[in-house]
Amino acid sequence: MAAVLAGSAKFTFWGRSLTFARRVTVHRHYGPPCVVSAQRNSSSSSKMTVDLDSGTGIAVIRFHSPPVNSLSLDFLTEFASNMEKLELDKGCRGVVLTSALPKIFSAGLDITEMYGKSPEHCREFWKAVQEMWLKLYGSSMVTMAAINGSSPAGGCLMALSCDYRIMADNPRYSIGLNETQLGIVAPFWFKETMVNTVGHRVTELSLQLGLMYIAPDALKSGLVDQLVAEEMVVTTAMETLAKWFAVPDHARQITKSMMRKPTVDKLLSSREVDINNFVTFITKDSIQKSLKMYMESLRKKKA
């Protein structure tokens, strides 16, 4: 296999044909994507900014969806579209994910997309969640999470799906898959993403108890790889990317594929079953009541 790759700069990686080419210095900004479904009225306002410097090969995606960067259907659709554009852009080798909002990376899945919605809407929403994960976890680019705020549930999943996580050294910030606290069960691909990162025992305790780890404990558990001063999170991520770029792309990408492809393939082979399971679960009266109670508790906190 190595001999074949040595003679060609083009190969297939997780179903994508990639070609390595010389890069020129160009700064590009990606705007909002086109609406994926004609049956849905997408918000015209962008949920994030994407800035690519082809001189360094680094793109920075900054989430900006007030108040807490919730993963709404619009957010997920825009994110997947931007990741696809960057994947196809020969000027991009790595992506940094971070937040433009203070104190929060992402609060996770938007509960309003799951509460009081039709089965059809829940189906579309969960398919978008799957697509976000597939684009990120299965990316051939180097991906880094610059976690400059708290990151529960789906926000934690996004961070775990990256190759490397750098978090602000602030004990007020926490990260974890806390779905059980809301009466929700994390699906198998959430679980396996965490197992692949921190191991089985830490994952079992974390998921059953819905644990949130403050920054120092997140480092100890392996949920994040590095803690730095808050103002240095993005800069450190970009500096760290440069070290990863020192490894030949094809060797790193094939190695990443060996590590992650089994988990990706498991979801790809059962996407429809996973969607059906989610819709059946989330539309149960008991689960809808749990979501209602949680939303009411959030309103009381705001008041």
C-alpha atoms as a PDB file:
ATOM      1  CA  MET A   1       0.000   0.000   0.000  1.00  0.00           C
ATOM      2  CA  ALA A   2       2.816   2.404   0.896  1.00  0.00           C
ATOM      3  CA  ALA A   3       4.511   1.681  -2.419  1.00  0.00           C
ATOM      4  CA  VAL A   4       1.367   2.573  -4.341  1.00  0.00           C
ATOM      5  CA  LEU A   5       0.920   5.813  -2.426  1.00  0.00           C
ATOM      6  CA  ALA A   6       4.516   6.818  -2.944  1.00  0.00           C
ATOM      7  CA  GLY A   7       3.980   6.915  -6.684  1.00  0.00           C
ATOM      8  CA  SER A   8       0.836   9.004  -6.645  1.00  0.00           C
ATOM      9  CA  ALA A   9      -0.346  12.154  -4.921  1.00  0.00           C
ATOM     10  CA  LYS A  10      -3.991  11.261  -5.447  1.00  0.00           C
ATOM     11  CA  PHE A  11      -5.862   8.629  -3.451  1.00  0.00           C
ATOM     12  CA  THR A  12      -9.220   7.848  -1.950  1.00  0.00           C
ATOM     13  CA  PHE A  13      -9.827   8.677   1.697  1.00  0.00           C
ATOM     14  CA  TRP A  14     -13.159   7.569   3.196  1.00  0.00           C
ATOM     15  CA  GLY A  15     -14.827   7.723  -0.192  1.00  0.00           C
ATOM     16  CA  ARG A  16     -13.250  11.053  -1.161  1.00  0.00           C
ATOM     17  CA  SER A  17     -10.687  11.520  -3.894  1.00  0.00           C
ATOM     18  CA  LEU A  18      -7.968  13.835  -2.621  1.00  0.00           C
ATOM     19  CA  THR A  19      -5.248  15.515  -4.619  1.00  0.00           C
ATOM     20  CA  PHE A  20      -2.328  17.317  -3.045  1.00  0.00           C
ATOM     21  CA  ALA A  21      -1.267  20.472  -4.812  1.00  0.00           C
ATOM     22  CA  ARG A  22       0.934  23.493  -4.252  1.00  0.00           C
ATOM     23  CA  ARG A  23      -0.833  26.207  -2.285  1.00  0.00           C
ATOM     24  CA  VAL A  24      -0.900  29.936  -2.866  1.00  0.00           C
ATOM     25  CA  THR A  25      -1.623  32.590  -0.241  1.00  0.00           C
ATOM     26  CA  VAL A  26      -5.283  33.540  -0.507  1.00  0.00           C
ATOM     27  CA  HIS A  27      -7.625  34.735   2.225  1.00  0.00           C
ATOM     28  CA  ARG A  28     -11.164  33.512   1.745  1.00  0.00           C
ATOM     29  CA  HIS A  29     -14.326  34.070   3.722  1.00  0.00           C
ATOM     30  CA  TYR A  30     -17.178  31.618   3.404  1.00  0.00           C
ATOM     31  CA  GLY A  31     -20.673  33.043   3.643  1.00  0.00           C
ATOM     32  CA  PRO A  32     -23.929  31.324   4.572  1.00  0.00           C
ATOM     33  CA  PRO A  33     -24.674  28.156   2.588  1.00  0.00           C
ATOM     34  CA  CYS A  34     -27.615  27.633   0.291  1.00  0.00           C
ATOM     35  CA  VAL A  35     -30.746  26.182   1.869  1.00  0.00           C
ATOM     36  CA  VAL A  36     -30.488  22.397   1.688  1.00  0.00           C
ATOM     37  CA  SER A  37     -34.206  21.707   1.798  1.00  0.00           C
ATOM     38  CA  ALA A  38     -36.662  23.748  -0.226  1.00  0.00           C
ATOM     39  CA  GLN A  39     -39.353  22.746   2.250  1.00  0.00           C
ATOM     40  CA  ARG A  40     -37.678  24.608   5.088  1.00  0.00           C
ATOM     41  CA  ASN A  41     -37.287  28.355   5.496  1.00  0.00           C
ATOM     42  CA  SER A  42     -33.718  28.821   6.688  1.00  0.00           C
ATOM     43  CA  SER A  43     -32.645  31.830   8.701  1.00  0.00           C
ATOM     44  CA  SER A  44     -30.870  34.332   6.479  1.00  0.00           C
ATOM     45  CA  SER A  45     -28.403  35.255   9.219  1.00  0.00           C
ATOM     46  CA  SER A  46     -25.169  33.299   9.407  1.00  0.00           C
ATOM     47  CA  LYS A  47     -24.515  31.256  12.549  1.00  0.00           C
ATOM     48  CA  MET A  48     -20.740  31.343  12.142  1.00  0.00           C
ATOM     49  CA  THR A  49     -17.872  32.937  10.284  1.00  0.00           C
ATOM     50  CA  VAL A  50     -15.254  30.995   8.351  1.00  0.00           C
ATOM     51  CA  ASP A  51     -11.900  32.530   7.534  1.00  0.00           C
ATOM     52  CA  LEU A  52      -9.323  30.589   5.541  1.00  0.00           C
ATOM     53  CA  ASP A  53      -5.707  31.650   5.130  1.00  0.00           C
ATOM     54  CA  SER A  54      -4.243  29.522   2.353  1.00  0.00           C
ATOM     55  CA  GLY A  55      -0.799  30.817   3.243  1.00  0.00           C
ATOM     56  CA  THR A  56      -0.951  28.723   6.395  1.00  0.00           C
ATOM     57  CA  GLY A  57      -3.641  26.302   5.220  1.00  0.00           C
ATOM     58  CA  ILE A  58      -5.673  27.048   8.360  1.00  0.00           C
ATOM     59  CA  ALA A  59      -9.380  27.855   8.482  1.00  0.00           C
ATOM     60  CA  VAL A  60     -10.957  29.245  11.644  1.00  0.00           C
ATOM     61  CA  ILE A  61     -14.680  28.636  12.165  1.00  0.00           C
ATOM     62  CA  ARG A  62     -16.102  30.941  14.839  1.00  0.00           C
ATOM     63  CA  PHE A  63     -19.554  30.085  16.135  1.00  0.00           C
ATOM     64  CA  HIS A  64     -21.794  33.109  16.515  1.00  0.00           C
ATOM     65  CA  SER A  65     -25.341  32.030  17.265  1.00  0.00           C
ATOM     66  CA  PRO A  66     -26.512  33.913  20.393  1.00  0.00           C
ATOM     67  CA  PRO A  67     -27.142  33.333  23.148  1.00  0.00           C
ATOM     68  CA  VAL A  68     -25.269  30.018  23.548  1.00  0.00           C
ATOM     69  CA  ASN A  69     -24.379  28.618  20.091  1.00  0.00           C
ATOM     70  CA  SER A  70     -27.106  25.982  20.292  1.00  0.00           C
ATOM     71  CA  LEU A  71     -26.935  23.340  17.567  1.00  0.00           C
ATOM     72  CA  SER A  72     -30.139  24.231  15.756  1.00  0.00           C
ATOM     73  CA  LEU A  73     -31.128  22.801  12.391  1.00  0.00           C
ATOM     74  CA  ASP A  74     -29.897  25.972  10.696  1.00  0.00           C
ATOM     75  CA  PHE A  75     -26.607  25.893  12.615  1.00  0.00           C
ATOM     76  CA  LEU A  76     -25.975  22.236  11.797  1.00  0.00           C
ATOM     77  CA  THR A  77     -26.809  22.717   8.121  1.00  0.00           C
ATOM     78  CA  GLU A  78     -24.489  25.698   7.831  1.00  0.00           C
ATOM     79  CA  PHE A  79     -21.677  23.912   9.659  1.00  0.00           C
ATOM     80  CA  ALA A  80     -21.869  20.796   7.463  1.00  0.00           C
ATOM     81  CA  SER A  81     -21.898  22.948   4.335  1.00  0.00           C
ATOM     82  CA  ASN A  82     -18.840  24.903   5.467  1.00  0.00           C
ATOM     83  CA  MET A  83     -16.941  21.721   6.349  1.00  0.00           C
ATOM     84  CA  GLU A  84     -17.704  20.294   2.924  1.00  0.00           C
ATOM     85  CA  LYS A  85     -16.445  23.456   1.209  1.00  0.00           C
ATOM     86  CA  LEU A  86     -13.233  23.407   3.228  1.00  0.00           C
ATOM     87  CA  GLU A  87     -12.742  19.687   2.562  1.00  0.00           C
ATOM     88  CA  LEU A  88     -12.813  20.382  -1.169  1.00  0.00           C
ATOM     89  CA  ASP A  89     -10.604  23.474  -0.938  1.00  0.00           C
ATOM     90  CA  LYS A  90      -6.998  22.602  -1.786  1.00  0.00           C
ATOM     91  CA  GLY A  91      -5.843  25.637   0.190  1.00  0.00           C
ATOM     92  CA  CYS A  92      -7.099  24.189   3.480  1.00  0.00           C
ATOM     93  CA  ARG A  93      -5.212  21.611   5.546  1.00  0.00           C
ATOM     94  CA  GLY A  94      -6.617  22.253   9.016  1.00  0.00           C
ATOM     95  CA  VAL A  95      -9.631  23.730  10.819  1.00  0.00           C
ATOM     96  CA  VAL A  96      -9.943  25.424  14.194  1.00  0.00           C
ATOM     97  CA  LEU A  97     -13.384  25.455  15.820  1.00  0.00           C
ATOM     98  CA  THR A  98     -14.043  28.139  18.408  1.00  0.00           C
ATOM     99  CA  SER A  99     -16.710  30.500  19.720  1.00  0.00           C
ATOM    100  CA  ALA A 100     -17.185  34.202  19.085  1.00  0.00           C
ATOM    101  CA  LEU A 101     -19.425  34.389  22.170  1.00  0.00           C
ATOM    102  CA  PRO A 102     -18.085  34.845  25.714  1.00  0.00           C
ATOM    103  CA  LYS A 103     -18.055  31.971  28.225  1.00  0.00           C
ATOM    104  CA  ILE A 104     -19.619  29.387  25.903  1.00  0.00           C
ATOM    105  CA  PHE A 105     -18.253  27.098  23.202  1.00  0.00           C
ATOM    106  CA  SER A 106     -21.609  25.483  22.420  1.00  0.00           C
ATOM    107  CA  ALA A 107     -24.491  24.563  24.709  1.00  0.00           C
ATOM    108  CA  GLY A 108     -25.291  21.534  22.564  1.00  0.00           C
ATOM    109  CA  LEU A 109     -28.402  20.432  20.712  1.00  0.00           C
ATOM    110  CA  ASP A 110     -31.180  22.999  20.489  1.00  0.00           C
ATOM    111  CA  ILE A 111     -33.993  21.590  22.626  1.00  0.00           C
ATOM    112  CA  THR A 112     -36.580  23.667  20.765  1.00  0.00           C
ATOM    113  CA  GLU A 113     -35.825  21.516  17.701  1.00  0.00           C
ATOM    114  CA  MET A 114     -36.937  18.439  19.671  1.00  0.00           C
ATOM    115  CA  TYR A 115     -39.748  19.695  21.899  1.00  0.00           C
ATOM    116  CA  GLY A 116     -43.261  19.907  20.482  1.00  0.00           C
ATOM    117  CA  LYS A 117     -42.105  19.164  16.954  1.00  0.00           C
ATOM    118  CA  SER A 118     -43.532  16.737  14.421  1.00  0.00           C
ATOM    119  CA  PRO A 119     -41.836  13.383  13.771  1.00  0.00           C
ATOM    120  CA  GLU A 120     -40.897  14.713  10.320  1.00  0.00           C
ATOM    121  CA  HIS A 121     -39.105  17.695  11.806  1.00  0.00           C
ATOM    122  CA  CYS A 122     -37.322  15.524  14.383  1.00  0.00           C
ATOM    123  CA  ARG A 123     -36.202  13.244  11.565  1.00  0.00           C
ATOM    124  CA  GLU A 124     -34.733  16.138   9.577  1.00  0.00           C
ATOM    125  CA  PHE A 125     -33.057  17.521  12.666  1.00  0.00           C
ATOM    126  CA  TRP A 126     -31.415  14.231  13.658  1.00  0.00           C
ATOM    127  CA  LYS A 127     -30.184  13.637  10.122  1.00  0.00           C
ATOM    128  CA  ALA A 128     -28.492  17.053  10.342  1.00  0.00           C
ATOM    129  CA  VAL A 129     -26.870  16.064  13.657  1.00  0.00           C
ATOM    130  CA  GLN A 130     -25.532  12.903  12.021  1.00  0.00           C
ATOM    131  CA  GLU A 131     -24.228  14.900   9.055  1.00  0.00           C
ATOM    132  CA  MET A 132     -22.416  17.347  11.331  1.00  0.00           C
ATOM    133  CA  TRP A 133     -20.626  14.470  13.067  1.00  0.00           C
ATOM    134  CA  LEU A 134     -19.793  12.615   9.857  1.00  0.00           C
ATOM    135  CA  LYS A 135     -18.296  15.746   8.293  1.00  0.00           C
ATOM    136  CA  LEU A 136     -16.233  16.506  11.405  1.00  0.00           C
ATOM    137  CA  TYR A 137     -15.222  13.093  12.754  1.00  0.00           C
ATOM    138  CA  GLY A 138     -14.554  11.818   9.244  1.00  0.00           C
ATOM    139  CA  SER A 139     -12.684  14.874   7.985  1.00  0.00           C
ATOM    140  CA  SER A 140      -9.369  14.333   6.205  1.00  0.00           C
ATOM    141  CA  MET A 141      -8.230  17.739   7.511  1.00  0.00           C
ATOM    142  CA  VAL A 142      -6.582  18.261  10.892  1.00  0.00           C
ATOM    143  CA  THR A 143      -9.316  19.517  13.215  1.00  0.00           C
ATOM    144  CA  MET A 144      -8.762  21.360  16.476  1.00  0.00           C
ATOM    145  CA  ALA A 145     -11.272  22.529  19.069  1.00  0.00           C
ATOM    146  CA  ALA A 146     -10.300  25.822  20.714  1.00  0.00           C
ATOM    147  CA  ILE A 147     -12.712  25.556  23.637  1.00  0.00           C
ATOM    148  CA  ASN A 148     -13.075  29.058  25.081  1.00  0.00           C
ATOM    149  CA  GLY A 149     -16.152  28.386  27.215  1.00  0.00           C
ATOM    150  CA  SER A 150     -18.410  25.649  28.557  1.00  0.00           C
ATOM    151  CA  SER A 151     -19.265  22.785  26.224  1.00  0.00           C
ATOM    152  CA  PRO A 152     -22.019  20.410  27.372  1.00  0.00           C
ATOM    153  CA  ALA A 153     -23.720  17.615  25.416  1.00  0.00           C
ATOM    154  CA  GLY A 154     -23.614  18.249  21.654  1.00  0.00           C
ATOM    155  CA  GLY A 155     -20.957  20.908  22.155  1.00  0.00           C
ATOM    156  CA  CYS A 156     -18.805  18.286  23.842  1.00  0.00           C
ATOM    157  CA  LEU A 157     -19.468  15.903  20.939  1.00  0.00           C
ATOM    158  CA  MET A 158     -18.166  18.480  18.466  1.00  0.00           C
ATOM    159  CA  ALA A 159     -15.012  18.929  20.537  1.00  0.00           C
ATOM    160  CA  LEU A 160     -14.513  15.155  20.934  1.00  0.00           C
ATOM    161  CA  SER A 161     -14.868  14.737  17.174  1.00  0.00           C
ATOM    162  CA  CYS A 162     -11.810  16.912  16.575  1.00  0.00           C
ATOM    163  CA  ASP A 163      -8.258  15.540  16.461  1.00  0.00           C
ATOM    164  CA  TYR A 164      -7.092  17.720  19.351  1.00  0.00           C
ATOM    165  CA  ARG A 165      -8.755  19.815  22.051  1.00  0.00           C
ATOM    166  CA  ILE A 166      -7.333  22.941  23.697  1.00  0.00           C
ATOM    167  CA  MET A 167      -9.439  24.405  26.497  1.00  0.00           C
ATOM    168  CA  ALA A 168      -9.305  27.671  28.398  1.00  0.00           C
ATOM    169  CA  ASP A 169      -7.747  27.146  31.838  1.00  0.00           C
ATOM    170  CA  ASN A 170     -10.766  28.448  33.686  1.00  0.00           C
ATOM    171  CA  PRO A 171     -12.497  26.394  36.438  1.00  0.00           C
ATOM    172  CA  ARG A 172     -15.805  28.083  35.574  1.00  0.00           C
ATOM    173  CA  TYR A 173     -15.860  26.281  32.228  1.00  0.00           C
ATOM    174  CA  SER A 174     -16.938  22.657  31.981  1.00  0.00           C
ATOM    175  CA  ILE A 175     -17.350  19.992  29.326  1.00  0.00           C
ATOM    176  CA  GLY A 176     -19.138  16.641  29.139  1.00  0.00           C
ATOM    177  CA  LEU A 177     -21.872  14.514  27.615  1.00  0.00           C
ATOM    178  CA  ASN A 178     -24.591  15.215  30.182  1.00  0.00           C
ATOM    179  CA  GLU A 179     -27.591  13.932  28.219  1.00  0.00           C
ATOM    180  CA  THR A 180     -28.933  11.719  31.026  1.00  0.00           C
ATOM    181  CA  GLN A 181     -29.446  14.820  33.181  1.00  0.00           C
ATOM    182  CA  LEU A 182     -32.090  15.856  30.623  1.00  0.00           C
ATOM    183  CA  GLY A 183     -33.648  12.394  30.462  1.00  0.00           C
ATOM    184  CA  ILE A 184     -32.036  11.756  27.073  1.00  0.00           C
ATOM    185  CA  VAL A 185     -29.794   8.836  26.115  1.00  0.00           C
ATOM    186  CA  ALA A 186     -26.637   9.477  24.095  1.00  0.00           C
ATOM    187  CA  PRO A 187     -26.703   7.304  20.927  1.00  0.00           C
ATOM    188  CA  PHE A 188     -24.050   4.707  20.216  1.00  0.00           C
ATOM    189  CA  TRP A 189     -21.922   6.989  18.050  1.00  0.00           C
ATOM    190  CA  PHE A 190     -21.775   9.656  20.770  1.00  0.00           C
ATOM    191  CA  LYS A 191     -20.693   6.874  23.155  1.00  0.00           C
ATOM    192  CA  GLU A 192     -18.095   5.406  20.809  1.00  0.00           C
ATOM    193  CA  THR A 193     -16.617   8.820  20.051  1.00  0.00           C
ATOM    194  CA  MET A 194     -16.050   9.278  23.773  1.00  0.00           C
ATOM    195  CA  VAL A 195     -14.760   5.720  24.290  1.00  0.00           C
ATOM    196  CA  ASN A 196     -12.267   6.274  21.479  1.00  0.00           C
ATOM    197  CA  THR A 197     -11.052   9.383  23.299  1.00  0.00           C
ATOM    198  CA  VAL A 198     -11.014   8.592  27.032  1.00  0.00           C
ATOM    199  CA  GLY A 199     -11.617   4.846  27.296  1.00  0.00           C
ATOM    200  CA  HIS A 200     -14.504   2.648  28.370  1.00  0.00           C
ATOM    201  CA  ARG A 201     -14.596   3.191  32.151  1.00  0.00           C
ATOM    202  CA  VAL A 202     -14.459   6.991  32.089  1.00  0.00           C
ATOM    203  CA  THR A 203     -17.129   6.967  29.375  1.00  0.00           C
ATOM    204  CA  GLU A 204     -19.400   4.600  31.312  1.00  0.00           C
ATOM    205  CA  LEU A 205     -19.306   6.747  34.436  1.00  0.00           C
ATOM    206  CA  SER A 206     -19.618   9.984  32.469  1.00  0.00           C
ATOM    207  CA  LEU A 207     -22.609   8.900  30.407  1.00  0.00           C
ATOM    208  CA  GLN A 208     -24.567   7.185  33.176  1.00  0.00           C
ATOM    209  CA  LEU A 209     -24.174  10.099  35.578  1.00  0.00           C
ATOM    210  CA  GLY A 210     -24.243  12.842  32.955  1.00  0.00           C
ATOM    211  CA  LEU A 211     -20.997  14.240  34.358  1.00  0.00           C
ATOM    212  CA  MET A 212     -19.647  17.666  33.507  1.00  0.00           C
ATOM    213  CA  TYR A 213     -15.890  18.136  34.000  1.00  0.00           C
ATOM    214  CA  ILE A 214     -14.403  21.487  34.940  1.00  0.00           C
ATOM    215  CA  ALA A 215     -11.332  22.378  32.895  1.00  0.00           C
ATOM    216  CA  PRO A 216      -8.639  20.873  35.181  1.00  0.00           C
ATOM    217  CA  ASP A 217     -10.590  17.615  35.564  1.00  0.00           C
ATOM    218  CA  ALA A 218     -11.276  17.508  31.826  1.00  0.00           C
ATOM    219  CA  LEU A 219      -7.523  17.496  31.270  1.00  0.00           C
ATOM    220  CA  LYS A 220      -6.995  14.710  33.808  1.00  0.00           C
ATOM    221  CA  SER A 221      -9.713  12.543  32.256  1.00  0.00           C
ATOM    222  CA  GLY A 222      -8.415  13.041  28.721  1.00  0.00           C
ATOM    223  CA  LEU A 223     -11.478  14.895  27.487  1.00  0.00           C
ATOM    224  CA  VAL A 224      -9.144  17.737  26.507  1.00  0.00           C
ATOM    225  CA  ASP A 225      -5.469  17.587  25.593  1.00  0.00           C
ATOM    226  CA  GLN A 226      -4.199  20.943  26.795  1.00  0.00           C
ATOM    227  CA  LEU A 227      -5.162  23.895  29.006  1.00  0.00           C
ATOM    228  CA  VAL A 228      -3.963  27.415  28.218  1.00  0.00           C
ATOM    229  CA  ALA A 229      -4.879  30.966  29.180  1.00  0.00           C
ATOM    230  CA  GLU A 230      -8.230  31.930  27.706  1.00  0.00           C
ATOM    231  CA  GLU A 231      -6.807  34.627  25.458  1.00  0.00           C
ATOM    232  CA  MET A 232      -4.317  32.096  24.026  1.00  0.00           C
ATOM    233  CA  VAL A 233      -6.739  29.305  23.084  1.00  0.00           C
ATOM    234  CA  VAL A 234      -7.082  30.096  19.370  1.00  0.00           C
ATOM    235  CA  THR A 235      -3.440  31.150  18.953  1.00  0.00           C
ATOM    236  CA  THR A 236      -2.260  27.927  20.583  1.00  0.00           C
ATOM    237  CA  ALA A 237      -4.541  25.875  18.340  1.00  0.00           C
ATOM    238  CA  MET A 238      -3.063  27.507  15.246  1.00  0.00           C
ATOM    239  CA  GLU A 239       0.489  26.975  16.511  1.00  0.00           C
ATOM    240  CA  THR A 240      -0.306  23.336  17.281  1.00  0.00           C
ATOM    241  CA  LEU A 241      -1.719  22.842  13.795  1.00  0.00           C
ATOM    242  CA  ALA A 242       1.620  23.872  12.328  1.00  0.00           C
ATOM    243  CA  LYS A 243       3.226  20.929  14.189  1.00  0.00           C
ATOM    244  CA  TRP A 244       0.646  18.523  12.782  1.00  0.00           C
ATOM    245  CA  PHE A 245       1.298  19.890   9.298  1.00  0.00           C
ATOM    246  CA  ALA A 246       4.913  18.738   9.612  1.00  0.00           C
ATOM    247  CA  VAL A 247       3.617  15.178   9.144  1.00  0.00           C
ATOM    248  CA  PRO A 248       3.002  14.255   5.470  1.00  0.00           C
ATOM    249  CA  ASP A 249      -0.715  14.621   4.776  1.00  0.00           C
ATOM    250  CA  HIS A 250      -1.207  11.223   3.192  1.00  0.00           C
ATOM    251  CA  ALA A 251       0.437   9.340   6.073  1.00  0.00           C
ATOM    252  CA  ARG A 252      -1.541  11.209   8.715  1.00  0.00           C
ATOM    253  CA  GLN A 253      -4.832  10.851   6.825  1.00  0.00           C
ATOM    254  CA  ILE A 254      -4.466   7.103   6.293  1.00  0.00           C
ATOM    255  CA  THR A 255      -3.605   6.660   9.962  1.00  0.00           C
ATOM    256  CA  LYS A 256      -6.636   8.728  10.984  1.00  0.00           C
ATOM    257  CA  SER A 257      -8.795   6.608   8.711  1.00  0.00           C
ATOM    258  CA  MET A 258      -7.551   3.388  10.338  1.00  0.00           C
ATOM    259  CA  MET A 259      -8.489   4.757  13.749  1.00  0.00           C
ATOM    260  CA  ARG A 260     -11.852   6.295  12.932  1.00  0.00           C
ATOM    261  CA  LYS A 261     -13.306   4.539   9.899  1.00  0.00           C
ATOM    262  CA  PRO A 262     -14.852   1.598  11.834  1.00  0.00           C
ATOM    263  CA  THR A 263     -16.933   4.005  13.938  1.00  0.00           C
ATOM    264  CA  VAL A 264     -17.914   6.086  10.909  1.00  0.00           C
ATOM    265  CA  ASP A 265     -18.883   2.994   8.920  1.00  0.00           C
ATOM    266  CA  LYS A 266     -21.012   1.737  11.810  1.00  0.00           C
ATOM    267  CA  LEU A 267     -23.193   4.850  11.632  1.00  0.00           C
ATOM    268  CA  LEU A 268     -23.234   4.942   7.821  1.00  0.00           C
ATOM    269  CA  SER A 269     -24.561   1.385   7.748  1.00  0.00           C
ATOM    270  CA  SER A 270     -27.346   2.158  10.220  1.00  0.00           C
ATOM    271  CA  ARG A 271     -28.258   5.834   9.658  1.00  0.00           C
ATOM    272  CA  GLU A 272     -31.919   5.142   8.990  1.00  0.00           C
ATOM    273  CA  VAL A 273     -32.252   2.859  12.010  1.00  0.00           C
ATOM    274  CA  ASP A 274     -30.539   5.481  14.180  1.00  0.00           C
ATOM    275  CA  ILE A 275     -32.903   8.195  12.926  1.00  0.00           C
ATOM    276  CA  ASN A 276     -35.957   6.006  13.523  1.00  0.00           C
ATOM    277  CA  ASN A 277     -34.755   5.174  17.035  1.00  0.00           C
ATOM    278  CA  PHE A 278     -34.261   8.848  17.809  1.00  0.00           C
ATOM    279  CA  VAL A 279     -37.667   9.906  16.486  1.00  0.00           C
ATOM    280  CA  THR A 280     -39.431   7.101  18.384  1.00  0.00           C
ATOM    281  CA  PHE A 281     -37.601   8.021  21.583  1.00  0.00           C
ATOM    282  CA  ILE A 282     -37.803  11.815  21.442  1.00  0.00           C
ATOM    283  CA  THR A 283     -41.538  11.903  20.615  1.00  0.00           C
ATOM    284  CA  LYS A 284     -42.522   9.767  23.629  1.00  0.00           C
ATOM    285  CA  ASP A 285     -44.765  11.606  26.077  1.00  0.00           C
ATOM    286  CA  SER A 286     -42.389  10.919  28.969  1.00  0.00           C
ATOM    287  CA  ILE A 287     -39.415  12.379  27.082  1.00  0.00           C
ATOM    288  CA  GLN A 288     -41.409  15.395  25.933  1.00  0.00           C
ATOM    289  CA  LYS A 289     -42.380  16.025  29.564  1.00  0.00           C
ATOM    290  CA  SER A 290     -38.706  15.841  30.603  1.00  0.00           C
ATOM    291  CA  LEU A 291     -37.757  18.346  27.913  1.00  0.00           C
ATOM    292  CA  LYS A 292     -40.594  20.637  28.970  1.00  0.00           C
ATOM    293  CA  MET A 293     -39.452  20.539  32.582  1.00  0.00           C
ATOM    294  CA  TYR A 294     -35.885  21.325  31.571  1.00  0.00           C
ATOM    295  CA  MET A 295     -36.979  24.260  29.403  1.00  0.00           C
ATOM    296  CA  GLU A 296     -39.094  25.613  32.265  1.00  0.00           C
ATOM    297  CA  SER A 297     -36.122  25.352  34.628  1.00  0.00           C
ATOM    298  CA  LEU A 298     -34.026  27.380  32.173  1.00  0.00           C
ATOM    299  CA  ARG A 299     -36.712  30.075  32.004  1.00  0.00           C
ATOM    300  CA  LYS A 300     -36.772  30.288  35.813  1.00  0.00           C
ATOM    301  CA  LYS A 301     -32.988  30.703  35.905  1.00  0.00           C
ATOM    302  CA  LYS A 302     -33.195  33.540  33.374  1.00  0.00           C
ATOM    303  CA  ALA A 303     -35.945  35.203  35.387  1.00  0.00           C
END
